[in-house]
Amino acid sequence: MVCTILLFSGQNDPSWEIDKFDDLEKIGELFNKLPELRNGKLNNSILGYHGVSLKSETGLYTFYNGVVECLGNDNSQKTLLDEDRKLEIFLLNLSKKNFNDLITNILLTEF
């Protein structure tokens, strides 16, 4: 599973592989608790931080401001509610293991 912090415009966003079993298990646990959001839509900014994405075997998942957009490899789409941003924050905290704390600390001040 590859996680990417959606941060830059015109530059490569920081990405890393999530392969620790405990981390993958926690992501699955949090993800499976998210309720579906009818008529929901991701409302992210163009400049600066605009979410975190996860690319897995099943699709692409984008988390921002309590909303998760899911695009399956079969082109299925749904939107979920991450109301307390627990999963988004968990993913950002995982980035601390891979990147300079400065990036993550700046992002986590939003929460």
PDB file of N, CA and C in Angstrom:
ATOM      1  N   MET A   1       0.853  -1.159   0.000  1.00  0.00           N
ATOM      2  CA  MET A   1       0.000   0.000   0.000  1.00  0.00           C
ATOM      3  C   MET A   1       0.906   1.231   0.000  1.00  0.00           C
ATOM      4  N   VAL A   2       0.617   2.180  -0.866  1.00  0.00           N
ATOM      5  CA  VAL A   2       1.418   3.398  -0.965  1.00  0.00           C
ATOM      6  C   VAL A   2       0.586   4.571  -0.455  1.00  0.00           C
ATOM      7  N   CYS A   3       1.174   5.349   0.437  1.00  0.00           N
ATOM      8  CA  CYS A   3       0.518   6.530   0.985  1.00  0.00           C
ATOM      9  C   CYS A   3       1.233   7.768   0.452  1.00  0.00           C
ATOM     10  N   THR A   4       0.460   8.788   0.104  1.00  0.00           N
ATOM     11  CA  THR A   4       0.999  10.031  -0.428  1.00  0.00           C
ATOM     12  C   THR A   4       0.352  11.206   0.290  1.00  0.00           C
ATOM     13  N   ILE A   5       1.188  12.145   0.745  1.00  0.00           N
ATOM     14  CA  ILE A   5       0.664  13.393   1.297  1.00  0.00           C
ATOM     15  C   ILE A   5       0.486  14.346   0.126  1.00  0.00           C
ATOM     16  N   LEU A   6      -0.734  14.779  -0.087  1.00  0.00           N
ATOM     17  CA  LEU A   6      -1.041  15.682  -1.200  1.00  0.00           C
ATOM     18  C   LEU A   6      -0.740  17.094  -0.733  1.00  0.00           C
ATOM     19  N   LEU A   7       0.404  17.596  -1.180  1.00  0.00           N
ATOM     20  CA  LEU A   7       0.947  18.809  -0.591  1.00  0.00           C
ATOM     21  C   LEU A   7       1.384  19.845  -1.609  1.00  0.00           C
ATOM     22  N   PHE A   8       1.979  19.397  -2.678  1.00  0.00           N
ATOM     23  CA  PHE A   8       2.634  20.330  -3.590  1.00  0.00           C
ATOM     24  C   PHE A   8       1.856  20.491  -4.890  1.00  0.00           C
ATOM     25  N   SER A   9       2.098  21.596  -5.532  1.00  0.00           N
ATOM     26  CA  SER A   9       1.567  21.848  -6.856  1.00  0.00           C
ATOM     27  C   SER A   9       2.767  21.955  -7.796  1.00  0.00           C
ATOM     28  N   GLY A  10       2.853  21.073  -8.758  1.00  0.00           N
ATOM     29  CA  GLY A  10       3.960  21.124  -9.702  1.00  0.00           C
ATOM     30  C   GLY A  10       5.205  20.386  -9.257  1.00  0.00           C
ATOM     31  N   GLN A  11       5.186  19.765  -8.095  1.00  0.00           N
ATOM     32  CA  GLN A  11       6.305  18.962  -7.613  1.00  0.00           C
ATOM     33  C   GLN A  11       5.771  17.605  -7.163  1.00  0.00           C
ATOM     34  N   ASN A  12       6.671  16.646  -7.031  1.00  0.00           N
ATOM     35  CA  ASN A  12       6.259  15.335  -6.543  1.00  0.00           C
ATOM     36  C   ASN A  12       5.866  15.419  -5.075  1.00  0.00           C
ATOM     37  N   ASP A  13       4.737  14.837  -4.756  1.00  0.00           N
ATOM     38  CA  ASP A  13       4.294  14.770  -3.367  1.00  0.00           C
ATOM     39  C   ASP A  13       5.038  13.653  -2.649  1.00  0.00           C
ATOM     40  N   PRO A  14       5.292  13.814  -1.345  1.00  0.00           N
ATOM     41  CA  PRO A  14       5.989  12.770  -0.595  1.00  0.00           C
ATOM     42  C   PRO A  14       5.130  11.503  -0.480  1.00  0.00           C
ATOM     43  N   SER A  15       5.731  10.365  -0.812  1.00  0.00           N
ATOM     44  CA  SER A  15       5.049   9.063  -0.771  1.00  0.00           C
ATOM     45  C   SER A  15       5.919   8.051  -0.055  1.00  0.00           C
ATOM     46  N   TRP A  16       5.287   7.036   0.499  1.00  0.00           N
ATOM     47  CA  TRP A  16       6.015   5.948   1.129  1.00  0.00           C
ATOM     48  C   TRP A  16       5.161   4.694   1.130  1.00  0.00           C
ATOM     49  N   GLU A  17       5.817   3.585   1.254  1.00  0.00           N
ATOM     50  CA  GLU A  17       5.158   2.275   1.295  1.00  0.00           C
ATOM     51  C   GLU A  17       4.775   1.961   2.737  1.00  0.00           C
ATOM     52  N   ILE A  18       3.544   1.540   2.935  1.00  0.00           N
ATOM     53  CA  ILE A  18       3.099   1.055   4.247  1.00  0.00           C
ATOM     54  C   ILE A  18       3.089  -0.463   4.153  1.00  0.00           C
ATOM     55  N   ASP A  19       3.966  -1.090   4.916  1.00  0.00           N
ATOM     56  CA  ASP A  19       4.056  -2.543   4.831  1.00  0.00           C
ATOM     57  C   ASP A  19       4.083  -3.238   6.184  1.00  0.00           C
ATOM     58  N   LYS A  20       4.096  -2.472   7.277  1.00  0.00           N
ATOM     59  CA  LYS A  20       4.053  -3.084   8.602  1.00  0.00           C
ATOM     60  C   LYS A  20       2.662  -3.636   8.862  1.00  0.00           C
ATOM     61  N   PHE A  21       2.603  -4.886   9.291  1.00  0.00           N
ATOM     62  CA  PHE A  21       1.318  -5.540   9.523  1.00  0.00           C
ATOM     63  C   PHE A  21       0.443  -4.750  10.493  1.00  0.00           C
ATOM     64  N   ASP A  22       1.030  -4.278  11.593  1.00  0.00           N
ATOM     65  CA  ASP A  22       0.248  -3.545  12.599  1.00  0.00           C
ATOM     66  C   ASP A  22      -0.372  -2.281  12.013  1.00  0.00           C
ATOM     67  N   ASP A  23       0.386  -1.578  11.181  1.00  0.00           N
ATOM     68  CA  ASP A  23      -0.129  -0.361  10.555  1.00  0.00           C
ATOM     69  C   ASP A  23      -1.254  -0.693   9.575  1.00  0.00           C
ATOM     70  N   LEU A  24      -1.056  -1.725   8.767  1.00  0.00           N
ATOM     71  CA  LEU A  24      -2.081  -2.131   7.806  1.00  0.00           C
ATOM     72  C   LEU A  24      -3.353  -2.588   8.521  1.00  0.00           C
ATOM     73  N   GLU A  25      -3.168  -3.301   9.628  1.00  0.00           N
ATOM     74  CA  GLU A  25      -4.317  -3.774  10.404  1.00  0.00           C
ATOM     75  C   GLU A  25      -5.100  -2.596  10.987  1.00  0.00           C
ATOM     76  N   LYS A  26      -4.400  -1.604  11.507  1.00  0.00           N
ATOM     77  CA  LYS A  26      -5.054  -0.420  12.086  1.00  0.00           C
ATOM     78  C   LYS A  26      -5.785   0.373  11.003  1.00  0.00           C
ATOM     79  N   ILE A  27      -5.178   0.517   9.841  1.00  0.00           N
ATOM     80  CA  ILE A  27      -5.843   1.204   8.731  1.00  0.00           C
ATOM     81  C   ILE A  27      -7.144   0.484   8.374  1.00  0.00           C
ATOM     82  N   GLY A  28      -7.079  -0.833   8.252  1.00  0.00           N
ATOM     83  CA  GLY A  28      -8.282  -1.615   7.932  1.00  0.00           C
ATOM     84  C   GLY A  28      -9.353  -1.479   9.000  1.00  0.00           C
ATOM     85  N   GLU A  29      -8.931  -1.503  10.251  1.00  0.00           N
ATOM     86  CA  GLU A  29      -9.869  -1.377  11.374  1.00  0.00           C
ATOM     87  C   GLU A  29     -10.583  -0.017  11.328  1.00  0.00           C
ATOM     88  N   LEU A  30      -9.819   1.053  11.153  1.00  0.00           N
ATOM     89  CA  LEU A  30     -10.416   2.393  11.088  1.00  0.00           C
ATOM     90  C   LEU A  30     -11.280   2.556   9.841  1.00  0.00           C
ATOM     91  N   PHE A  31     -10.798   2.058   8.705  1.00  0.00           N
ATOM     92  CA  PHE A  31     -11.525   2.193   7.446  1.00  0.00           C
ATOM     93  C   PHE A  31     -12.877   1.489   7.506  1.00  0.00           C
ATOM     94  N   ASN A  32     -12.896   0.299   8.072  1.00  0.00           N
ATOM     95  CA  ASN A  32     -14.138  -0.482   8.122  1.00  0.00           C
ATOM     96  C   ASN A  32     -15.202   0.134   9.024  1.00  0.00           C
ATOM     97  N   LYS A  33     -14.830   1.088   9.855  1.00  0.00           N
ATOM     98  CA  LYS A  33     -15.791   1.775  10.727  1.00  0.00           C
ATOM     99  C   LYS A  33     -16.401   3.019  10.087  1.00  0.00           C
ATOM    100  N   LEU A  34     -15.885   3.426   8.924  1.00  0.00           N
ATOM    101  CA  LEU A  34     -16.353   4.663   8.309  1.00  0.00           C
ATOM    102  C   LEU A  34     -17.709   4.463   7.650  1.00  0.00           C
ATOM    103  N   PRO A  35     -18.699   5.294   8.003  1.00  0.00           N
ATOM    104  CA  PRO A  35     -20.011   5.196   7.350  1.00  0.00           C
ATOM    105  C   PRO A  35     -19.990   5.846   5.973  1.00  0.00           C
ATOM    106  N   GLU A  36     -20.904   5.379   5.135  1.00  0.00           N
ATOM    107  CA  GLU A  36     -21.018   5.971   3.804  1.00  0.00           C
ATOM    108  C   GLU A  36     -21.663   7.350   3.914  1.00  0.00           C
ATOM    109  N   LEU A  37     -21.214   8.252   3.082  1.00  0.00           N
ATOM    110  CA  LEU A  37     -21.720   9.623   3.058  1.00  0.00           C
ATOM    111  C   LEU A  37     -22.452   9.823   1.740  1.00  0.00           C
ATOM    112  N   ARG A  38     -23.741   9.948   1.812  1.00  0.00           N
ATOM    113  CA  ARG A  38     -24.545  10.151   0.605  1.00  0.00           C
ATOM    114  C   ARG A  38     -24.361  11.576   0.096  1.00  0.00           C
ATOM    115  N   ASN A  39     -24.186  11.708  -1.188  1.00  0.00           N
ATOM    116  CA  ASN A  39     -24.037  13.013  -1.838  1.00  0.00           C
ATOM    117  C   ASN A  39     -22.860  13.811  -1.288  1.00  0.00           C
ATOM    118  N   GLY A  40     -21.891  13.139  -0.713  1.00  0.00           N
ATOM    119  CA  GLY A  40     -20.716  13.826  -0.205  1.00  0.00           C
ATOM    120  C   GLY A  40     -19.689  14.019  -1.305  1.00  0.00           C
ATOM    121  N   LYS A  41     -18.875  15.037  -1.137  1.00  0.00           N
ATOM    122  CA  LYS A  41     -17.842  15.306  -2.123  1.00  0.00           C
ATOM    123  C   LYS A  41     -16.647  15.913  -1.415  1.00  0.00           C
ATOM    124  N   LEU A  42     -15.473  15.496  -1.844  1.00  0.00           N
ATOM    125  CA  LEU A  42     -14.239  16.040  -1.308  1.00  0.00           C
ATOM    126  C   LEU A  42     -14.121  17.491  -1.725  1.00  0.00           C
ATOM    127  N   ASN A  43     -13.873  18.356  -0.765  1.00  0.00           N
ATOM    128  CA  ASN A  43     -13.737  19.781  -1.055  1.00  0.00           C
ATOM    129  C   ASN A  43     -12.346  20.217  -0.620  1.00  0.00           C
ATOM    130  N   ASN A  44     -11.354  19.899  -1.454  1.00  0.00           N
ATOM    131  CA  ASN A  44      -9.984  20.229  -1.063  1.00  0.00           C
ATOM    132  C   ASN A  44      -9.458  21.420  -1.835  1.00  0.00           C
ATOM    133  N   SER A  45      -8.465  22.050  -1.223  1.00  0.00           N
ATOM    134  CA  SER A  45      -7.874  23.234  -1.843  1.00  0.00           C
ATOM    135  C   SER A  45      -6.899  22.815  -2.934  1.00  0.00           C
ATOM    136  N   ILE A  46      -6.545  23.746  -3.770  1.00  0.00           N
ATOM    137  CA  ILE A  46      -5.600  23.472  -4.842  1.00  0.00           C
ATOM    138  C   ILE A  46      -4.173  23.694  -4.359  1.00  0.00           C
ATOM    139  N   LEU A  47      -3.972  24.697  -3.508  1.00  0.00           N
ATOM    140  CA  LEU A  47      -2.639  25.019  -3.019  1.00  0.00           C
ATOM    141  C   LEU A  47      -2.459  24.517  -1.591  1.00  0.00           C
ATOM    142  N   GLY A  48      -1.241  24.117  -1.272  1.00  0.00           N
ATOM    143  CA  GLY A  48      -0.950  23.641   0.075  1.00  0.00           C
ATOM    144  C   GLY A  48      -1.506  22.254   0.314  1.00  0.00           C
ATOM    145  N   TYR A  49      -1.593  21.894   1.564  1.00  0.00           N
ATOM    146  CA  TYR A  49      -2.074  20.559   1.933  1.00  0.00           C
ATOM    147  C   TYR A  49      -3.499  20.363   1.441  1.00  0.00           C
ATOM    148  N   HIS A  50      -3.718  19.262   0.732  1.00  0.00           N
ATOM    149  CA  HIS A  50      -5.062  18.943   0.273  1.00  0.00           C
ATOM    150  C   HIS A  50      -5.370  17.460   0.399  1.00  0.00           C
ATOM    151  N   GLY A  51      -4.819  16.858   1.459  1.00  0.00           N
ATOM    152  CA  GLY A  51      -5.221  15.506   1.787  1.00  0.00           C
ATOM    153  C   GLY A  51      -4.110  14.483   1.763  1.00  0.00           C
ATOM    154  N   VAL A  52      -4.532  13.249   1.976  1.00  0.00           N
ATOM    155  CA  VAL A  52      -3.658  12.088   1.968  1.00  0.00           C
ATOM    156  C   VAL A  52      -4.329  11.046   1.079  1.00  0.00           C
ATOM    157  N   SER A  53      -3.549  10.375   0.256  1.00  0.00           N
ATOM    158  CA  SER A  53      -4.140   9.309  -0.556  1.00  0.00           C
ATOM    159  C   SER A  53      -3.469   7.978  -0.245  1.00  0.00           C
ATOM    160  N   LEU A  54      -4.251   6.926  -0.402  1.00  0.00           N
ATOM    161  CA  LEU A  54      -3.765   5.556  -0.258  1.00  0.00           C
ATOM    162  C   LEU A  54      -4.042   4.826  -1.553  1.00  0.00           C
ATOM    163  N   LYS A  55      -3.029   4.216  -2.102  1.00  0.00           N
ATOM    164  CA  LYS A  55      -3.191   3.373  -3.300  1.00  0.00           C
ATOM    165  C   LYS A  55      -2.990   1.944  -2.851  1.00  0.00           C
ATOM    166  N   SER A  56      -4.004   1.126  -3.046  1.00  0.00           N
ATOM    167  CA  SER A  56      -3.926  -0.276  -2.639  1.00  0.00           C
ATOM    168  C   SER A  56      -4.270  -1.180  -3.825  1.00  0.00           C
ATOM    169  N   GLU A  57      -4.313  -2.458  -3.565  1.00  0.00           N
ATOM    170  CA  GLU A  57      -4.675  -3.425  -4.614  1.00  0.00           C
ATOM    171  C   GLU A  57      -6.100  -3.216  -5.104  1.00  0.00           C
ATOM    172  N   THR A  58      -6.948  -2.601  -4.259  1.00  0.00           N
ATOM    173  CA  THR A  58      -8.358  -2.475  -4.604  1.00  0.00           C
ATOM    174  C   THR A  58      -8.742  -1.124  -5.193  1.00  0.00           C
ATOM    175  N   GLY A  59      -7.881  -0.099  -5.022  1.00  0.00           N
ATOM    176  CA  GLY A  59      -8.233   1.198  -5.571  1.00  0.00           C
ATOM    177  C   GLY A  59      -7.441   2.337  -4.962  1.00  0.00           C
ATOM    178  N   LEU A  60      -7.971   3.542  -5.162  1.00  0.00           N
ATOM    179  CA  LEU A  60      -7.362   4.771  -4.670  1.00  0.00           C
ATOM    180  C   LEU A  60      -8.334   5.430  -3.698  1.00  0.00           C
ATOM    181  N   TYR A  61      -7.818   5.807  -2.529  1.00  0.00           N
ATOM    182  CA  TYR A  61      -8.630   6.389  -1.469  1.00  0.00           C
ATOM    183  C   TYR A  61      -8.003   7.723  -1.075  1.00  0.00           C
ATOM    184  N   THR A  62      -8.799   8.801  -1.115  1.00  0.00           N
ATOM    185  CA  THR A  62      -8.296  10.132  -0.799  1.00  0.00           C
ATOM    186  C   THR A  62      -9.035  10.673   0.417  1.00  0.00           C
ATOM    187  N   PHE A  63      -8.255  11.101   1.418  1.00  0.00           N
ATOM    188  CA  PHE A  63      -8.777  11.566   2.702  1.00  0.00           C
ATOM    189  C   PHE A  63      -8.494  13.056   2.847  1.00  0.00           C
ATOM    190  N   TYR A  64      -9.531  13.832   3.167  1.00  0.00           N
ATOM    191  CA  TYR A  64      -9.314  15.252   3.428  1.00  0.00           C
ATOM    192  C   TYR A  64     -10.501  15.820   4.191  1.00  0.00           C
ATOM    193  N   ASN A  65     -10.192  16.459   5.290  1.00  0.00           N
ATOM    194  CA  ASN A  65     -11.190  17.212   6.043  1.00  0.00           C
ATOM    195  C   ASN A  65     -12.436  16.392   6.398  1.00  0.00           C
ATOM    196  N   GLY A  66     -12.226  15.143   6.786  1.00  0.00           N
ATOM    197  CA  GLY A  66     -13.333  14.307   7.241  1.00  0.00           C
ATOM    198  C   GLY A  66     -14.085  13.564   6.149  1.00  0.00           C
ATOM    199  N   VAL A  67     -13.639  13.681   4.918  1.00  0.00           N
ATOM    200  CA  VAL A  67     -14.303  13.006   3.800  1.00  0.00           C
ATOM    201  C   VAL A  67     -13.295  12.081   3.118  1.00  0.00           C
ATOM    202  N   VAL A  68     -13.765  10.901   2.717  1.00  0.00           N
ATOM    203  CA  VAL A  68     -12.923   9.936   2.017  1.00  0.00           C
ATOM    204  C   VAL A  68     -13.581   9.614   0.684  1.00  0.00           C
ATOM    205  N   GLU A  69     -12.875   9.890  -0.396  1.00  0.00           N
ATOM    206  CA  GLU A  69     -13.360   9.501  -1.723  1.00  0.00           C
ATOM    207  C   GLU A  69     -12.685   8.201  -2.105  1.00  0.00           C
ATOM    208  N   CYS A  70     -13.488   7.228  -2.491  1.00  0.00           N
ATOM    209  CA  CYS A  70     -12.997   5.896  -2.839  1.00  0.00           C
ATOM    210  C   CYS A  70     -13.249   5.645  -4.319  1.00  0.00           C
ATOM    211  N   LEU A  71     -12.193   5.325  -5.034  1.00  0.00           N
ATOM    212  CA  LEU A  71     -12.301   4.979  -6.448  1.00  0.00           C
ATOM    213  C   LEU A  71     -11.716   3.588  -6.614  1.00  0.00           C
ATOM    214  N   GLY A  72     -12.592   2.614  -6.835  1.00  0.00           N
ATOM    215  CA  GLY A  72     -12.153   1.241  -6.984  1.00  0.00           C
ATOM    216  C   GLY A  72     -11.497   0.998  -8.327  1.00  0.00           C
ATOM    217  N   ASN A  73     -10.663  -0.030  -8.394  1.00  0.00           N
ATOM    218  CA  ASN A  73     -10.034  -0.401  -9.669  1.00  0.00           C
ATOM    219  C   ASN A  73     -11.073  -0.772 -10.719  1.00  0.00           C
ATOM    220  N   ASP A  74     -12.274  -1.138 -10.272  1.00  0.00           N
ATOM    221  CA  ASP A  74     -13.369  -1.475 -11.190  1.00  0.00           C
ATOM    222  C   ASP A  74     -14.201  -0.233 -11.549  1.00  0.00           C
ATOM    223  N   ASN A  75     -13.664   0.975 -11.214  1.00  0.00           N
ATOM    224  CA  ASN A  75     -14.312   2.266 -11.454  1.00  0.00           C
ATOM    225  C   ASN A  75     -15.521   2.529 -10.564  1.00  0.00           C
ATOM    226  N   SER A  76     -15.718   1.694  -9.536  1.00  0.00           N
ATOM    227  CA  SER A  76     -16.780   1.981  -8.581  1.00  0.00           C
ATOM    228  C   SER A  76     -16.351   3.189  -7.742  1.00  0.00           C
ATOM    229  N   GLN A  77     -17.343   3.955  -7.294  1.00  0.00           N
ATOM    230  CA  GLN A  77     -17.060   5.154  -6.499  1.00  0.00           C
ATOM    231  C   GLN A  77     -17.987   5.205  -5.302  1.00  0.00           C
ATOM    232  N   LYS A  78     -17.430   5.658  -4.177  1.00  0.00           N
ATOM    233  CA  LYS A  78     -18.273   5.956  -3.029  1.00  0.00           C
ATOM    234  C   LYS A  78     -17.537   6.951  -2.154  1.00  0.00           C
ATOM    235  N   THR A  79     -18.295   7.589  -1.289  1.00  0.00           N
ATOM    236  CA  THR A  79     -17.739   8.582  -0.384  1.00  0.00           C
ATOM    237  C   THR A  79     -18.050   8.146   1.040  1.00  0.00           C
ATOM    238  N   LEU A  80     -17.046   8.237   1.908  1.00  0.00           N
ATOM    239  CA  LEU A  80     -17.198   7.850   3.303  1.00  0.00           C
ATOM    240  C   LEU A  80     -16.950   9.053   4.199  1.00  0.00           C
ATOM    241  N   LEU A  81     -17.413   8.951   5.439  1.00  0.00           N
ATOM    242  CA  LEU A  81     -17.243  10.018   6.413  1.00  0.00           C
ATOM    243  C   LEU A  81     -16.205   9.604   7.453  1.00  0.00           C
ATOM    244  N   ASP A  82     -15.126  10.371   7.546  1.00  0.00           N
ATOM    245  CA  ASP A  82     -14.076  10.196   8.561  1.00  0.00           C
ATOM    246  C   ASP A  82     -14.211  11.389   9.507  1.00  0.00           C
ATOM    247  N   GLU A  83     -15.350  11.430  10.201  1.00  0.00           N
ATOM    248  CA  GLU A  83     -15.799  12.620  10.919  1.00  0.00           C
ATOM    249  C   GLU A  83     -14.736  13.227  11.841  1.00  0.00           C
ATOM    250  N   ASP A  84     -14.084  12.425  12.618  1.00  0.00           N
ATOM    251  CA  ASP A  84     -13.055  12.936  13.533  1.00  0.00           C
ATOM    252  C   ASP A  84     -11.671  12.947  12.897  1.00  0.00           C
ATOM    253  N   ARG A  85     -11.613  12.610  11.625  1.00  0.00           N
ATOM    254  CA  ARG A  85     -10.359  12.583  10.847  1.00  0.00           C
ATOM    255  C   ARG A  85      -9.343  11.610  11.446  1.00  0.00           C
ATOM    256  N   LYS A  86      -9.839  10.587  12.144  1.00  0.00           N
ATOM    257  CA  LYS A  86      -8.937   9.637  12.802  1.00  0.00           C
ATOM    258  C   LYS A  86      -8.025   8.936  11.811  1.00  0.00           C
ATOM    259  N   LEU A  87      -8.571   8.508  10.700  1.00  0.00           N
ATOM    260  CA  LEU A  87      -7.755   7.785   9.727  1.00  0.00           C
ATOM    261  C   LEU A  87      -6.783   8.733   9.023  1.00  0.00           C
ATOM    262  N   GLU A  88      -7.242   9.903   8.669  1.00  0.00           N
ATOM    263  CA  GLU A  88      -6.366  10.895   8.035  1.00  0.00           C
ATOM    264  C   GLU A  88      -5.192  11.245   8.966  1.00  0.00           C
ATOM    265  N   ILE A  89      -5.493  11.471  10.233  1.00  0.00           N
ATOM    266  CA  ILE A  89      -4.449  11.808  11.209  1.00  0.00           C
ATOM    267  C   ILE A  89      -3.515  10.625  11.438  1.00  0.00           C
ATOM    268  N   PHE A  90      -4.059   9.412  11.483  1.00  0.00           N
ATOM    269  CA  PHE A  90      -3.216   8.220  11.640  1.00  0.00           C
ATOM    270  C   PHE A  90      -2.213   8.125  10.495  1.00  0.00           C
ATOM    271  N   LEU A  91      -2.681   8.349   9.273  1.00  0.00           N
ATOM    272  CA  LEU A  91      -1.793   8.283   8.109  1.00  0.00           C
ATOM    273  C   LEU A  91      -0.720   9.371   8.163  1.00  0.00           C
ATOM    274  N   LEU A  92      -1.103  10.573   8.570  1.00  0.00           N
ATOM    275  CA  LEU A  92      -0.117  11.652   8.697  1.00  0.00           C
ATOM    276  C   LEU A  92       0.929  11.311   9.767  1.00  0.00           C
ATOM    277  N   ASN A  93       0.479  10.719  10.857  1.00  0.00           N
ATOM    278  CA  ASN A  93       1.422  10.326  11.904  1.00  0.00           C
ATOM    279  C   ASN A  93       2.373   9.239  11.418  1.00  0.00           C
ATOM    280  N   LEU A  94       1.906   8.360  10.548  1.00  0.00           N
ATOM    281  CA  LEU A  94       2.797   7.339   9.976  1.00  0.00           C
ATOM    282  C   LEU A  94       3.904   7.987   9.151  1.00  0.00           C
ATOM    283  N   SER A  95       3.606   9.135   8.574  1.00  0.00           N
ATOM    284  CA  SER A  95       4.615   9.791   7.734  1.00  0.00           C
ATOM    285  C   SER A  95       5.830  10.224   8.549  1.00  0.00           C
ATOM    286  N   LYS A  96       5.663  10.407   9.845  1.00  0.00           N
ATOM    287  CA  LYS A  96       6.786  10.807  10.693  1.00  0.00           C
ATOM    288  C   LYS A  96       7.916   9.785  10.640  1.00  0.00           C
ATOM    289  N   LYS A  97       7.570   8.550  10.380  1.00  0.00           N
ATOM    290  CA  LYS A  97       8.584   7.494  10.303  1.00  0.00           C
ATOM    291  C   LYS A  97       9.393   7.586   9.010  1.00  0.00           C
ATOM    292  N   ASN A  98       8.888   8.355   8.046  1.00  0.00           N
ATOM    293  CA  ASN A  98       9.489   8.376   6.724  1.00  0.00           C
ATOM    294  C   ASN A  98      10.014   9.729   6.272  1.00  0.00           C
ATOM    295  N   PHE A  99       9.571  10.786   6.918  1.00  0.00           N
ATOM    296  CA  PHE A  99       9.933  12.119   6.466  1.00  0.00           C
ATOM    297  C   PHE A  99      10.387  12.976   7.628  1.00  0.00           C
ATOM    298  N   ASN A 100      10.927  14.106   7.279  1.00  0.00           N
ATOM    299  CA  ASN A 100      11.318  15.097   8.263  1.00  0.00           C
ATOM    300  C   ASN A 100      10.096  15.464   9.098  1.00  0.00           C
ATOM    301  N   ASP A 101      10.263  15.477  10.403  1.00  0.00           N
ATOM    302  CA  ASP A 101       9.150  15.831  11.287  1.00  0.00           C
ATOM    303  C   ASP A 101       8.567  17.200  10.980  1.00  0.00           C
ATOM    304  N   LEU A 102       9.358  18.080  10.385  1.00  0.00           N
ATOM    305  CA  LEU A 102       8.882  19.429  10.089  1.00  0.00           C
ATOM    306  C   LEU A 102       7.630  19.389   9.224  1.00  0.00           C
ATOM    307  N   ILE A 103       7.647  18.585   8.166  1.00  0.00           N
ATOM    308  CA  ILE A 103       6.486  18.491   7.265  1.00  0.00           C
ATOM    309  C   ILE A 103       5.265  18.034   8.050  1.00  0.00           C
ATOM    310  N   THR A 104       5.414  16.932   8.772  1.00  0.00           N
ATOM    311  CA  THR A 104       4.277  16.364   9.488  1.00  0.00           C
ATOM    312  C   THR A 104       3.789  17.291  10.590  1.00  0.00           C
ATOM    313  N   ASN A 105       4.694  17.887  11.325  1.00  0.00           N
ATOM    314  CA  ASN A 105       4.283  18.786  12.408  1.00  0.00           C
ATOM    315  C   ASN A 105       3.526  19.995  11.890  1.00  0.00           C
ATOM    316  N   ILE A 106       3.953  20.524  10.765  1.00  0.00           N
ATOM    317  CA  ILE A 106       3.221  21.646  10.160  1.00  0.00           C
ATOM    318  C   ILE A 106       1.811  21.207   9.785  1.00  0.00           C
ATOM    319  N   LEU A 107       1.681  20.037   9.175  1.00  0.00           N
ATOM    320  CA  LEU A 107       0.376  19.550   8.761  1.00  0.00           C
ATOM    321  C   LEU A 107      -0.521  19.267   9.953  1.00  0.00           C
ATOM    322  N   LEU A 108       0.030  18.662  11.000  1.00  0.00           N
ATOM    323  CA  LEU A 108      -0.786  18.274  12.144  1.00  0.00           C
ATOM    324  C   LEU A 108      -1.229  19.475  12.968  1.00  0.00           C
ATOM    325  N   THR A 109      -0.663  20.646  12.756  1.00  0.00           N
ATOM    326  CA  THR A 109      -1.146  21.831  13.459  1.00  0.00           C
ATOM    327  C   THR A 109      -2.527  22.235  12.964  1.00  0.00           C
ATOM    328  N   GLU A 110      -2.938  21.722  11.806  1.00  0.00           N
ATOM    329  CA  GLU A 110      -4.274  21.992  11.280  1.00  0.00           C
ATOM    330  C   GLU A 110      -5.366  21.310  12.096  1.00  0.00           C
ATOM    331  N   PHE A 111      -5.006  20.279  12.842  1.00  0.00           N
ATOM    332  CA  PHE A 111      -6.010  19.450  13.500  1.00  0.00           C
ATOM    333  C   PHE A 111      -6.218  19.843  14.925  1.00  0.00           C
TER     334      PHE A 111
END
